[in-house]
């Protein structure tokens, strides 16, 4: 679960939300921090909501697996339309959960279910809903109540969409045969923010992107 790679394509921009392949030291630090989050928050006290979220995760991942495996372009478009419908329904269910319980933290629903809530939010087309929760999600990440890397890419995407500098350096743009990082706020302290949100240092992140896309990263 911790090593799952999730790459989101945004037209000419790309963003990495869940980083999987890490150098040995970063990987060890990441897993240590994840264990710390579980030890600090527990495995969840609301098992009913946990079960609901995990079922939502299955629906989210199942349709995306079908889209990836589609044999023809026509069938892929049909599945993508279904994916949009499922995303809207999952957004509705997530809204109902947060209205009743607040944001699903690790303490409330456990690690995987908490990550599922962030996943559903990231895949939602309701950008107003996303923006509404970003300030609180930042606070929850910085107080170790959720996994920061699950929301860092979403925060950056929303900032870039508003014409603002990103915060964590997850968003890159294709420039011909190379890729370049979109503008970032306070670049001198970028890696400090990335460490706090369980993201690898930028040199390692660049190597990962170069390996994935076979393009030079500037």
N, C-alpha and C. Protein backbone atom coordinates (compact mmCIF):
# COMPACT_ATOMS: atom_id res chain seq x y z
N UNK A 1 0.83 -1.20 0.00
CA UNK A 1 0.00 0.00 0.00
C UNK A 1 0.87 1.25 0.00
N UNK A 2 1.94 1.24 0.79
CA UNK A 2 2.74 2.44 0.92
C UNK A 2 3.52 2.75 -0.34
N UNK A 3 3.78 1.74 -1.20
CA UNK A 3 4.64 1.95 -2.34
C UNK A 3 3.86 2.16 -3.63
N UNK A 4 2.57 2.32 -3.50
CA UNK A 4 1.76 2.49 -4.71
C UNK A 4 2.10 3.81 -5.39
N UNK A 5 2.26 3.75 -6.69
CA UNK A 5 2.59 4.94 -7.47
C UNK A 5 1.34 5.45 -8.14
N UNK A 6 1.07 6.72 -7.96
CA UNK A 6 -0.11 7.32 -8.56
C UNK A 6 0.31 8.56 -9.33
N UNK A 7 0.27 8.49 -10.65
CA UNK A 7 0.63 9.63 -11.48
C UNK A 7 -0.63 10.20 -12.10
N UNK A 8 -0.82 11.48 -11.96
CA UNK A 8 -2.00 12.15 -12.50
C UNK A 8 -1.58 13.02 -13.67
N UNK A 9 -2.20 12.84 -14.83
CA UNK A 9 -1.90 13.64 -16.01
C UNK A 9 -2.87 14.81 -16.08
N UNK A 10 -2.34 15.99 -16.31
CA UNK A 10 -3.14 17.20 -16.35
C UNK A 10 -2.88 17.94 -17.65
N UNK A 11 -3.28 17.34 -18.76
CA UNK A 11 -2.99 17.97 -20.05
C UNK A 11 -1.48 18.06 -20.21
N UNK A 12 -0.94 19.29 -20.38
CA UNK A 12 0.49 19.42 -20.54
C UNK A 12 1.25 19.34 -19.24
N UNK A 13 0.53 19.26 -18.11
CA UNK A 13 1.21 19.20 -16.82
C UNK A 13 1.05 17.82 -16.22
N UNK A 14 2.01 17.44 -15.40
CA UNK A 14 1.91 16.17 -14.70
C UNK A 14 2.18 16.40 -13.23
N UNK A 15 1.60 15.55 -12.40
CA UNK A 15 1.84 15.67 -10.97
C UNK A 15 1.88 14.31 -10.33
N UNK A 16 2.78 14.11 -9.41
CA UNK A 16 2.92 12.84 -8.71
C UNK A 16 2.32 12.99 -7.33
N UNK A 17 1.30 12.21 -7.04
CA UNK A 17 0.63 12.31 -5.75
C UNK A 17 1.15 11.28 -4.76
N UNK A 18 1.25 10.05 -5.18
CA UNK A 18 1.73 9.00 -4.30
C UNK A 18 3.03 8.46 -4.85
N UNK A 19 4.09 8.70 -4.15
CA UNK A 19 5.40 8.35 -4.66
C UNK A 19 5.75 6.95 -4.19
N UNK A 20 6.14 6.10 -5.13
CA UNK A 20 6.42 4.73 -4.79
C UNK A 20 7.90 4.41 -4.78
N UNK A 21 8.62 4.59 -5.89
CA UNK A 21 10.00 4.17 -6.00
C UNK A 21 10.89 5.21 -5.34
N UNK A 22 11.57 4.84 -4.28
CA UNK A 22 12.42 5.75 -3.54
C UNK A 22 13.81 5.16 -3.40
N UNK A 23 14.81 6.03 -3.20
CA UNK A 23 16.12 5.54 -2.83
C UNK A 23 16.02 4.90 -1.45
N UNK A 24 17.00 4.08 -1.12
CA UNK A 24 16.91 3.26 0.09
C UNK A 24 16.70 4.10 1.35
N UNK A 25 17.46 5.17 1.51
CA UNK A 25 17.36 5.99 2.72
C UNK A 25 15.99 6.65 2.81
N UNK A 26 15.51 7.21 1.71
CA UNK A 26 14.21 7.87 1.72
C UNK A 26 13.09 6.86 1.96
N UNK A 27 13.23 5.68 1.41
CA UNK A 27 12.22 4.64 1.59
C UNK A 27 12.13 4.24 3.06
N UNK A 28 13.29 4.09 3.68
CA UNK A 28 13.31 3.71 5.09
C UNK A 28 12.69 4.81 5.95
N UNK A 29 13.01 6.06 5.62
CA UNK A 29 12.45 7.18 6.38
C UNK A 29 10.94 7.25 6.19
N UNK A 30 10.48 7.03 4.95
CA UNK A 30 9.05 7.06 4.65
C UNK A 30 8.31 6.00 5.46
N UNK A 31 8.81 4.77 5.45
CA UNK A 31 8.13 3.70 6.17
C UNK A 31 8.19 3.92 7.67
N UNK A 32 9.28 4.50 8.15
CA UNK A 32 9.37 4.83 9.57
C UNK A 32 8.30 5.85 9.96
N UNK A 33 8.12 6.87 9.11
CA UNK A 33 7.12 7.89 9.38
C UNK A 33 5.70 7.31 9.31
N UNK A 34 5.47 6.39 8.37
CA UNK A 34 4.15 5.77 8.28
C UNK A 34 3.85 4.94 9.53
N UNK A 35 4.85 4.22 10.01
CA UNK A 35 4.66 3.45 11.25
C UNK A 35 4.38 4.38 12.42
N UNK A 36 5.07 5.52 12.43
CA UNK A 36 4.86 6.49 13.50
C UNK A 36 3.43 7.02 13.48
N UNK A 37 2.90 7.29 12.26
CA UNK A 37 1.53 7.78 12.14
C UNK A 37 0.53 6.75 12.68
N UNK A 38 0.77 5.47 12.37
CA UNK A 38 -0.12 4.42 12.87
C UNK A 38 -0.02 4.31 14.38
N UNK A 39 1.22 4.34 14.90
CA UNK A 39 1.41 4.23 16.34
C UNK A 39 0.78 5.41 17.07
N UNK A 40 0.88 6.58 16.49
CA UNK A 40 0.36 7.79 17.13
C UNK A 40 -1.16 7.85 17.08
N UNK A 41 -1.74 7.40 15.96
CA UNK A 41 -3.18 7.58 15.75
C UNK A 41 -4.02 6.32 15.95
N UNK A 42 -3.40 5.15 15.92
CA UNK A 42 -4.15 3.92 16.05
C UNK A 42 -4.70 3.43 14.73
N UNK A 43 -5.54 2.42 14.79
CA UNK A 43 -6.05 1.77 13.58
C UNK A 43 -7.48 2.16 13.24
N UNK A 44 -8.02 3.16 13.93
CA UNK A 44 -9.37 3.64 13.62
C UNK A 44 -10.38 3.19 14.66
N UNK A 45 -11.29 4.10 15.00
CA UNK A 45 -12.30 3.78 16.01
C UNK A 45 -13.69 3.66 15.39
N UNK A 46 -13.87 4.18 14.18
CA UNK A 46 -15.18 4.12 13.52
C UNK A 46 -15.11 3.07 12.41
N UNK A 47 -15.38 1.84 12.78
CA UNK A 47 -15.23 0.74 11.83
C UNK A 47 -16.28 0.79 10.72
N UNK A 48 -17.45 1.31 11.03
CA UNK A 48 -18.50 1.41 10.01
C UNK A 48 -18.06 2.36 8.89
N UNK A 49 -17.56 3.53 9.26
CA UNK A 49 -17.10 4.48 8.25
C UNK A 49 -15.86 3.96 7.56
N UNK A 50 -15.00 3.28 8.29
CA UNK A 50 -13.83 2.67 7.67
C UNK A 50 -14.23 1.70 6.57
N UNK A 51 -15.22 0.86 6.85
CA UNK A 51 -15.69 -0.12 5.86
C UNK A 51 -16.29 0.59 4.64
N UNK A 52 -17.05 1.65 4.88
CA UNK A 52 -17.63 2.41 3.77
C UNK A 52 -16.55 2.98 2.87
N UNK A 53 -15.52 3.55 3.46
CA UNK A 53 -14.45 4.16 2.67
C UNK A 53 -13.66 3.13 1.89
N UNK A 54 -13.40 1.99 2.50
CA UNK A 54 -12.64 0.96 1.79
C UNK A 54 -13.44 0.41 0.61
N UNK A 55 -14.75 0.33 0.75
CA UNK A 55 -15.59 -0.08 -0.38
C UNK A 55 -15.55 0.99 -1.48
N UNK A 56 -15.48 2.25 -1.10
CA UNK A 56 -15.36 3.33 -2.07
C UNK A 56 -14.02 3.25 -2.80
N UNK A 57 -13.00 2.86 -2.09
CA UNK A 57 -11.68 2.70 -2.71
C UNK A 57 -11.71 1.62 -3.79
N UNK A 58 -12.39 0.53 -3.49
CA UNK A 58 -12.50 -0.55 -4.46
C UNK A 58 -13.19 -0.07 -5.74
N UNK A 59 -14.26 0.70 -5.57
CA UNK A 59 -14.99 1.22 -6.74
C UNK A 59 -14.10 2.16 -7.55
N UNK A 60 -13.36 3.03 -6.86
CA UNK A 60 -12.48 3.98 -7.53
C UNK A 60 -11.38 3.27 -8.31
N UNK A 61 -10.74 2.30 -7.69
CA UNK A 61 -9.62 1.63 -8.32
C UNK A 61 -10.06 0.66 -9.41
N UNK A 62 -11.22 0.04 -9.22
CA UNK A 62 -11.70 -0.94 -10.20
C UNK A 62 -11.98 -0.30 -11.55
N UNK A 63 -12.68 0.84 -11.54
CA UNK A 63 -13.00 1.48 -12.83
C UNK A 63 -11.73 2.00 -13.50
N UNK A 64 -10.79 2.49 -12.71
CA UNK A 64 -9.55 2.99 -13.31
C UNK A 64 -8.71 1.85 -13.88
N UNK A 65 -8.75 0.70 -13.26
CA UNK A 65 -8.05 -0.47 -13.82
C UNK A 65 -8.68 -0.87 -15.15
N UNK A 66 -10.00 -0.79 -15.23
CA UNK A 66 -10.68 -1.12 -16.49
C UNK A 66 -10.33 -0.13 -17.59
N UNK A 67 -10.25 1.15 -17.26
CA UNK A 67 -9.90 2.16 -18.26
C UNK A 67 -8.49 1.88 -18.80
N UNK A 68 -7.56 1.59 -17.92
CA UNK A 68 -6.19 1.33 -18.34
C UNK A 68 -6.11 0.11 -19.24
N UNK A 69 -6.93 -0.91 -18.94
CA UNK A 69 -6.86 -2.17 -19.67
C UNK A 69 -7.75 -2.20 -20.91
N UNK A 70 -8.48 -1.12 -21.20
CA UNK A 70 -9.42 -1.11 -22.33
C UNK A 70 -8.71 -1.46 -23.64
N UNK A 71 -9.32 -2.34 -24.41
CA UNK A 71 -8.67 -2.86 -25.62
C UNK A 71 -8.82 -1.90 -26.80
N UNK A 72 -9.87 -1.09 -26.81
CA UNK A 72 -10.09 -0.19 -27.94
C UNK A 72 -10.35 1.22 -27.42
N UNK A 73 -10.13 2.20 -28.29
CA UNK A 73 -10.35 3.60 -27.91
C UNK A 73 -11.83 3.86 -27.63
N UNK A 74 -12.72 3.25 -28.41
CA UNK A 74 -14.15 3.42 -28.20
C UNK A 74 -14.57 2.89 -26.84
N UNK A 75 -14.08 1.72 -26.49
CA UNK A 75 -14.42 1.14 -25.19
C UNK A 75 -13.82 1.97 -24.06
N UNK A 76 -12.63 2.52 -24.28
CA UNK A 76 -12.01 3.36 -23.26
C UNK A 76 -12.86 4.61 -23.00
N UNK A 77 -13.37 5.22 -24.06
CA UNK A 77 -14.21 6.41 -23.88
C UNK A 77 -15.48 6.07 -23.11
N UNK A 78 -16.05 4.90 -23.38
CA UNK A 78 -17.24 4.48 -22.64
C UNK A 78 -16.92 4.30 -21.16
N UNK A 79 -15.78 3.70 -20.89
CA UNK A 79 -15.37 3.48 -19.50
C UNK A 79 -15.05 4.81 -18.81
N UNK A 80 -14.47 5.74 -19.54
CA UNK A 80 -14.15 7.04 -18.96
C UNK A 80 -15.42 7.80 -18.58
N UNK A 81 -16.47 7.65 -19.39
CA UNK A 81 -17.75 8.25 -19.04
C UNK A 81 -18.31 7.62 -17.77
N UNK A 82 -18.14 6.30 -17.65
CA UNK A 82 -18.56 5.60 -16.45
C UNK A 82 -17.72 6.04 -15.25
N UNK A 83 -16.44 6.24 -15.49
CA UNK A 83 -15.54 6.70 -14.43
C UNK A 83 -15.99 8.04 -13.88
N UNK A 84 -16.35 8.97 -14.76
CA UNK A 84 -16.83 10.28 -14.33
C UNK A 84 -18.08 10.15 -13.46
N UNK A 85 -18.97 9.25 -13.86
CA UNK A 85 -20.20 9.03 -13.09
C UNK A 85 -19.87 8.46 -11.71
N UNK A 86 -18.96 7.51 -11.67
CA UNK A 86 -18.56 6.91 -10.39
C UNK A 86 -17.89 7.94 -9.49
N UNK A 87 -17.04 8.79 -10.09
CA UNK A 87 -16.37 9.83 -9.31
C UNK A 87 -17.39 10.78 -8.68
N UNK A 88 -18.44 11.13 -9.43
CA UNK A 88 -19.47 12.01 -8.87
C UNK A 88 -20.18 11.34 -7.70
N UNK A 89 -20.47 10.05 -7.85
CA UNK A 89 -21.16 9.32 -6.78
C UNK A 89 -20.26 9.18 -5.55
N UNK A 90 -18.99 8.91 -5.77
CA UNK A 90 -18.06 8.79 -4.65
C UNK A 90 -17.87 10.14 -3.95
N UNK A 91 -17.87 11.22 -4.73
CA UNK A 91 -17.80 12.55 -4.13
C UNK A 91 -19.01 12.80 -3.24
N UNK A 92 -20.19 12.41 -3.73
CA UNK A 92 -21.41 12.57 -2.94
C UNK A 92 -21.30 11.80 -1.62
N UNK A 93 -20.80 10.58 -1.69
CA UNK A 93 -20.67 9.77 -0.48
C UNK A 93 -19.64 10.37 0.48
N UNK A 94 -18.52 10.90 -0.07
CA UNK A 94 -17.51 11.51 0.78
C UNK A 94 -18.07 12.75 1.46
N UNK A 95 -18.85 13.55 0.74
CA UNK A 95 -19.47 14.73 1.33
C UNK A 95 -20.37 14.33 2.50
N UNK A 96 -21.10 13.23 2.33
CA UNK A 96 -21.98 12.77 3.40
C UNK A 96 -21.17 12.34 4.62
N UNK A 97 -20.05 11.70 4.39
CA UNK A 97 -19.20 11.26 5.50
C UNK A 97 -18.62 12.45 6.25
N UNK A 98 -18.08 13.42 5.53
CA UNK A 98 -17.45 14.56 6.22
C UNK A 98 -18.51 15.44 6.89
N UNK A 99 -19.72 15.47 6.33
CA UNK A 99 -20.78 16.23 6.99
C UNK A 99 -21.16 15.62 8.33
N UNK A 100 -21.05 14.30 8.41
CA UNK A 100 -21.44 13.59 9.64
C UNK A 100 -20.29 13.49 10.64
N UNK A 101 -19.06 13.29 10.14
CA UNK A 101 -17.95 12.98 11.04
C UNK A 101 -16.79 13.96 10.98
N UNK A 102 -16.81 14.91 10.04
CA UNK A 102 -15.61 15.68 9.80
C UNK A 102 -14.69 14.88 8.89
N UNK A 103 -13.47 15.41 8.65
CA UNK A 103 -12.58 14.71 7.73
C UNK A 103 -12.13 13.38 8.33
N UNK A 104 -12.11 12.29 7.53
CA UNK A 104 -11.70 10.96 8.03
C UNK A 104 -10.19 10.91 8.32
N UNK A 105 -9.84 11.18 9.54
CA UNK A 105 -8.43 11.12 9.95
C UNK A 105 -8.01 9.68 10.19
N UNK A 106 -6.71 9.49 10.36
CA UNK A 106 -6.20 8.15 10.68
C UNK A 106 -6.80 7.66 11.99
N UNK A 107 -6.88 8.54 12.97
CA UNK A 107 -7.44 8.15 14.26
C UNK A 107 -8.89 7.69 14.13
N UNK A 108 -9.64 8.32 13.25
CA UNK A 108 -11.06 7.98 13.10
C UNK A 108 -11.26 6.68 12.35
N UNK A 109 -10.58 6.50 11.21
CA UNK A 109 -10.90 5.37 10.33
C UNK A 109 -9.70 4.49 9.97
N UNK A 110 -8.52 4.79 10.50
CA UNK A 110 -7.35 4.00 10.14
C UNK A 110 -6.63 4.57 8.93
N UNK A 111 -5.43 4.10 8.71
CA UNK A 111 -4.55 4.67 7.68
C UNK A 111 -5.13 4.54 6.27
N UNK A 112 -5.46 3.32 5.86
CA UNK A 112 -5.88 3.11 4.48
C UNK A 112 -7.19 3.81 4.16
N UNK A 113 -8.13 3.78 5.07
CA UNK A 113 -9.41 4.44 4.82
C UNK A 113 -9.23 5.96 4.79
N UNK A 114 -8.34 6.49 5.64
CA UNK A 114 -8.05 7.92 5.61
C UNK A 114 -7.42 8.30 4.28
N UNK A 115 -6.50 7.47 3.79
CA UNK A 115 -5.91 7.73 2.49
C UNK A 115 -6.95 7.65 1.38
N UNK A 116 -7.93 6.79 1.54
CA UNK A 116 -9.00 6.67 0.55
C UNK A 116 -9.78 7.97 0.44
N UNK A 117 -10.04 8.61 1.56
CA UNK A 117 -10.77 9.88 1.52
C UNK A 117 -10.01 10.91 0.69
N UNK A 118 -8.69 10.96 0.86
CA UNK A 118 -7.87 11.88 0.07
C UNK A 118 -7.88 11.50 -1.40
N UNK A 119 -7.89 10.20 -1.68
CA UNK A 119 -7.93 9.72 -3.06
C UNK A 119 -9.23 10.14 -3.75
N UNK A 120 -10.34 9.95 -3.06
CA UNK A 120 -11.64 10.33 -3.63
C UNK A 120 -11.68 11.84 -3.86
N UNK A 121 -11.18 12.61 -2.92
CA UNK A 121 -11.15 14.05 -3.07
C UNK A 121 -10.30 14.46 -4.27
N UNK A 122 -9.15 13.83 -4.43
CA UNK A 122 -8.26 14.16 -5.55
C UNK A 122 -8.91 13.86 -6.89
N UNK A 123 -9.72 12.81 -6.96
CA UNK A 123 -10.36 12.41 -8.21
C UNK A 123 -11.68 13.14 -8.47
N UNK A 124 -12.13 13.93 -7.50
CA UNK A 124 -13.40 14.63 -7.65
C UNK A 124 -13.29 15.75 -8.68
N UNK A 125 -14.38 15.98 -9.39
CA UNK A 125 -14.44 17.11 -10.32
C UNK A 125 -15.05 18.34 -9.66
N UNK A 126 -15.39 18.24 -8.38
CA UNK A 126 -15.96 19.36 -7.64
C UNK A 126 -14.82 20.16 -7.02
N UNK A 127 -14.30 21.12 -7.77
CA UNK A 127 -13.13 21.86 -7.31
C UNK A 127 -13.44 22.79 -6.15
N UNK A 128 -14.68 23.25 -6.06
CA UNK A 128 -15.06 24.06 -4.90
C UNK A 128 -14.99 23.23 -3.62
N UNK A 129 -15.45 22.00 -3.71
CA UNK A 129 -15.36 21.08 -2.57
C UNK A 129 -13.90 20.85 -2.18
N UNK A 130 -13.04 20.66 -3.16
CA UNK A 130 -11.62 20.48 -2.89
C UNK A 130 -11.04 21.70 -2.18
N UNK A 131 -11.30 22.87 -2.75
CA UNK A 131 -10.73 24.10 -2.17
C UNK A 131 -11.22 24.34 -0.75
N UNK A 132 -12.46 23.98 -0.50
CA UNK A 132 -13.01 24.18 0.84
C UNK A 132 -12.21 23.43 1.90
N UNK A 133 -11.71 22.24 1.52
CA UNK A 133 -11.05 21.39 2.51
C UNK A 133 -9.54 21.57 2.57
N UNK A 134 -8.94 22.24 1.59
CA UNK A 134 -7.49 22.34 1.55
C UNK A 134 -6.89 22.96 2.83
N UNK A 135 -7.41 24.07 3.35
CA UNK A 135 -6.80 24.62 4.57
C UNK A 135 -6.80 23.64 5.74
N UNK A 136 -7.92 22.95 5.96
CA UNK A 136 -7.98 22.01 7.07
C UNK A 136 -7.10 20.79 6.81
N UNK A 137 -7.04 20.33 5.57
CA UNK A 137 -6.20 19.18 5.26
C UNK A 137 -4.73 19.52 5.49
N UNK A 138 -4.33 20.74 5.19
CA UNK A 138 -2.96 21.16 5.46
C UNK A 138 -2.67 21.10 6.96
N UNK A 139 -3.61 21.57 7.76
CA UNK A 139 -3.44 21.53 9.22
C UNK A 139 -3.37 20.09 9.72
N UNK A 140 -4.22 19.23 9.17
CA UNK A 140 -4.23 17.83 9.59
C UNK A 140 -2.93 17.13 9.22
N UNK A 141 -2.41 17.43 8.04
CA UNK A 141 -1.15 16.83 7.61
C UNK A 141 0.00 17.28 8.50
N UNK A 142 0.02 18.56 8.83
CA UNK A 142 1.12 19.11 9.62
C UNK A 142 1.04 18.70 11.09
N UNK A 143 -0.12 18.22 11.52
CA UNK A 143 -0.27 17.72 12.89
C UNK A 143 -0.31 16.20 12.93
N UNK A 144 0.12 15.56 11.83
CA UNK A 144 0.25 14.10 11.75
C UNK A 144 -1.07 13.35 11.92
N UNK A 145 -2.16 13.96 11.47
CA UNK A 145 -3.45 13.28 11.56
C UNK A 145 -3.87 12.62 10.25
N UNK A 146 -3.22 13.01 9.14
CA UNK A 146 -3.40 12.35 7.85
C UNK A 146 -2.03 12.27 7.18
N UNK A 147 -1.94 11.54 6.07
CA UNK A 147 -0.68 11.40 5.34
C UNK A 147 -0.53 12.60 4.40
N UNK A 148 0.51 13.40 4.62
CA UNK A 148 0.68 14.63 3.86
C UNK A 148 0.85 14.43 2.38
N UNK A 149 1.53 13.36 1.98
CA UNK A 149 1.76 13.13 0.55
C UNK A 149 0.47 12.86 -0.20
N UNK A 150 -0.58 12.47 0.51
CA UNK A 150 -1.86 12.20 -0.13
C UNK A 150 -2.56 13.48 -0.59
N UNK A 151 -2.20 14.61 -0.01
CA UNK A 151 -2.88 15.86 -0.35
C UNK A 151 -1.94 16.89 -0.98
N UNK A 152 -0.64 16.66 -0.95
CA UNK A 152 0.32 17.65 -1.46
C UNK A 152 0.09 17.93 -2.94
N UNK A 153 -0.09 16.88 -3.73
CA UNK A 153 -0.29 17.07 -5.16
C UNK A 153 -1.58 17.80 -5.47
N UNK A 154 -2.63 17.52 -4.72
CA UNK A 154 -3.90 18.21 -4.91
C UNK A 154 -3.76 19.70 -4.60
N UNK A 155 -3.08 20.01 -3.51
CA UNK A 155 -2.84 21.41 -3.15
C UNK A 155 -2.10 22.12 -4.28
N UNK A 156 -1.05 21.48 -4.80
CA UNK A 156 -0.27 22.09 -5.88
C UNK A 156 -1.11 22.28 -7.14
N UNK A 157 -1.92 21.29 -7.49
CA UNK A 157 -2.72 21.39 -8.70
C UNK A 157 -3.71 22.55 -8.62
N UNK A 158 -4.34 22.72 -7.46
CA UNK A 158 -5.29 23.80 -7.30
C UNK A 158 -4.59 25.16 -7.36
N UNK A 159 -3.42 25.26 -6.74
CA UNK A 159 -2.67 26.51 -6.79
C UNK A 159 -2.29 26.86 -8.23
N UNK A 160 -1.77 25.86 -8.97
CA UNK A 160 -1.37 26.10 -10.35
C UNK A 160 -2.57 26.49 -11.19
N UNK A 161 -3.72 25.85 -10.96
CA UNK A 161 -4.93 26.17 -11.75
C UNK A 161 -5.40 27.60 -11.51
N UNK A 162 -5.01 28.16 -10.36
CA UNK A 162 -5.36 29.54 -10.03
C UNK A 162 -4.27 30.52 -10.44
N UNK A 163 -3.25 30.04 -11.13
CA UNK A 163 -2.16 30.89 -11.56
C UNK A 163 -1.19 31.25 -10.46
N UNK A 164 -1.17 30.47 -9.39
CA UNK A 164 -0.29 30.74 -8.25
C UNK A 164 0.88 29.75 -8.24
N UNK A 165 1.99 30.10 -7.58
CA UNK A 165 3.09 29.14 -7.44
C UNK A 165 2.66 27.94 -6.61
N UNK A 166 3.12 26.77 -6.99
CA UNK A 166 2.82 25.58 -6.21
C UNK A 166 3.64 25.58 -4.93
N UNK A 167 3.30 24.68 -4.02
CA UNK A 167 3.94 24.66 -2.70
C UNK A 167 4.95 23.53 -2.55
N UNK A 168 4.70 22.39 -3.23
CA UNK A 168 5.52 21.20 -2.97
C UNK A 168 6.31 20.71 -4.17
N UNK A 169 6.21 21.38 -5.30
CA UNK A 169 7.00 20.99 -6.46
C UNK A 169 6.57 19.69 -7.10
N UNK A 170 5.27 19.37 -7.05
CA UNK A 170 4.79 18.13 -7.66
C UNK A 170 4.37 18.31 -9.11
N UNK A 171 4.22 19.55 -9.56
CA UNK A 171 3.66 19.82 -10.89
C UNK A 171 4.76 20.23 -11.86
N UNK A 172 4.84 19.49 -12.98
CA UNK A 172 5.82 19.76 -14.03
C UNK A 172 5.10 19.94 -15.35
N UNK A 173 5.73 20.67 -16.26
CA UNK A 173 5.16 20.87 -17.60
C UNK A 173 6.12 20.32 -18.64
N UNK A 174 5.58 19.72 -19.69
CA UNK A 174 6.40 19.24 -20.80
C UNK A 174 6.87 20.43 -21.62
N UNK A 175 8.14 20.43 -21.94
CA UNK A 175 8.75 21.47 -22.78
C UNK A 175 9.51 20.77 -23.90
N UNK A 176 8.81 20.36 -24.94
CA UNK A 176 9.45 19.63 -26.03
C UNK A 176 9.96 18.28 -25.54
N UNK A 177 11.27 18.09 -25.59
CA UNK A 177 11.86 16.82 -25.17
C UNK A 177 12.26 16.81 -23.71
N UNK A 178 11.86 17.80 -22.96
CA UNK A 178 12.22 17.86 -21.55
C UNK A 178 11.01 18.25 -20.72
N UNK A 179 11.19 18.29 -19.40
CA UNK A 179 10.14 18.68 -18.47
C UNK A 179 10.71 19.73 -17.54
N UNK A 180 9.87 20.67 -17.12
CA UNK A 180 10.31 21.72 -16.22
C UNK A 180 9.31 21.87 -15.08
N UNK A 181 9.83 22.10 -13.88
CA UNK A 181 8.96 22.30 -12.74
C UNK A 181 8.22 23.62 -12.87
N UNK A 182 6.92 23.60 -12.60
CA UNK A 182 6.14 24.83 -12.58
C UNK A 182 6.64 25.72 -11.44
N UNK A 183 6.39 27.03 -11.50
CA UNK A 183 6.88 27.93 -10.44
C UNK A 183 6.46 27.46 -9.05
N UNK A 184 7.36 27.62 -8.09
CA UNK A 184 7.13 27.15 -6.73
C UNK A 184 7.42 28.27 -5.74
N UNK A 185 6.62 28.37 -4.70
CA UNK A 185 6.82 29.39 -3.69
C UNK A 185 8.01 29.03 -2.79
N UNK A 186 8.72 30.02 -2.33
CA UNK A 186 9.82 29.85 -1.37
C UNK A 186 10.69 28.64 -1.71
N UNK A 187 11.35 28.64 -2.88
CA UNK A 187 12.09 27.46 -3.32
C UNK A 187 13.22 27.04 -2.38
N UNK A 188 13.76 27.98 -1.61
CA UNK A 188 14.86 27.64 -0.70
C UNK A 188 14.44 26.64 0.37
N UNK A 189 13.17 26.64 0.72
CA UNK A 189 12.68 25.73 1.77
C UNK A 189 11.78 24.63 1.21
N UNK A 190 11.88 24.39 -0.09
CA UNK A 190 11.02 23.40 -0.74
C UNK A 190 11.21 22.02 -0.14
N UNK A 191 12.45 21.57 -0.01
CA UNK A 191 12.68 20.22 0.49
C UNK A 191 12.22 20.07 1.94
N UNK A 192 12.27 21.13 2.72
CA UNK A 192 11.78 21.06 4.09
C UNK A 192 10.28 20.78 4.09
N UNK A 193 9.56 21.45 3.20
CA UNK A 193 8.12 21.21 3.12
C UNK A 193 7.85 19.80 2.62
N UNK A 194 8.64 19.35 1.66
CA UNK A 194 8.43 18.01 1.11
C UNK A 194 8.66 16.93 2.18
N UNK A 195 9.69 17.10 2.98
CA UNK A 195 9.94 16.13 4.05
C UNK A 195 8.77 16.09 5.02
N UNK A 196 8.27 17.26 5.37
CA UNK A 196 7.14 17.34 6.31
C UNK A 196 5.92 16.61 5.76
N UNK A 197 5.74 16.63 4.44
CA UNK A 197 4.58 16.00 3.81
C UNK A 197 4.91 14.61 3.23
N UNK A 198 6.00 14.01 3.69
CA UNK A 198 6.37 12.65 3.29
C UNK A 198 6.63 12.52 1.79
N UNK A 199 7.24 13.54 1.20
CA UNK A 199 7.64 13.50 -0.20
C UNK A 199 9.17 13.42 -0.26
N UNK A 200 9.71 12.76 -1.28
CA UNK A 200 11.17 12.61 -1.37
C UNK A 200 11.83 13.93 -1.75
N UNK A 201 13.12 14.09 -1.48
CA UNK A 201 13.84 15.30 -1.90
C UNK A 201 13.74 15.49 -3.41
N UNK A 202 13.83 16.75 -3.85
CA UNK A 202 13.64 17.06 -5.25
C UNK A 202 14.62 16.33 -6.18
N UNK A 203 15.92 16.21 -5.85
CA UNK A 203 16.80 15.48 -6.77
C UNK A 203 16.33 14.05 -7.03
N UNK A 204 15.83 13.41 -5.98
CA UNK A 204 15.33 12.05 -6.13
C UNK A 204 14.03 12.02 -6.93
N UNK A 205 13.19 13.01 -6.68
CA UNK A 205 11.92 13.11 -7.41
C UNK A 205 12.18 13.32 -8.90
N UNK A 206 13.16 14.17 -9.22
CA UNK A 206 13.50 14.41 -10.63
C UNK A 206 13.97 13.12 -11.30
N UNK A 207 14.81 12.35 -10.60
CA UNK A 207 15.29 11.08 -11.17
C UNK A 207 14.13 10.13 -11.42
N UNK A 208 13.16 10.12 -10.51
CA UNK A 208 11.99 9.27 -10.68
C UNK A 208 11.20 9.66 -11.92
N UNK A 209 10.98 10.97 -12.09
CA UNK A 209 10.25 11.44 -13.26
C UNK A 209 10.99 11.14 -14.56
N UNK A 210 12.31 11.30 -14.55
CA UNK A 210 13.10 11.00 -15.74
C UNK A 210 12.98 9.52 -16.11
N UNK A 211 12.96 8.65 -15.09
CA UNK A 211 12.81 7.23 -15.34
C UNK A 211 11.42 6.88 -15.87
N UNK A 212 10.40 7.59 -15.41
CA UNK A 212 9.03 7.31 -15.83
C UNK A 212 8.76 7.81 -17.25
N UNK A 213 9.24 9.00 -17.55
CA UNK A 213 8.86 9.65 -18.79
C UNK A 213 9.98 9.70 -19.83
N UNK A 214 11.18 9.25 -19.43
CA UNK A 214 12.32 9.21 -20.34
C UNK A 214 12.57 10.58 -20.98
N UNK A 215 12.45 11.60 -20.17
CA UNK A 215 12.73 12.97 -20.59
C UNK A 215 13.61 13.63 -19.53
N UNK A 216 14.46 14.55 -19.97
CA UNK A 216 15.27 15.29 -19.03
C UNK A 216 14.40 16.22 -18.22
N UNK A 217 14.64 16.28 -16.92
CA UNK A 217 13.87 17.14 -16.03
C UNK A 217 14.74 18.33 -15.63
N UNK A 218 14.28 19.53 -15.98
CA UNK A 218 15.01 20.75 -15.64
C UNK A 218 14.52 21.31 -14.31
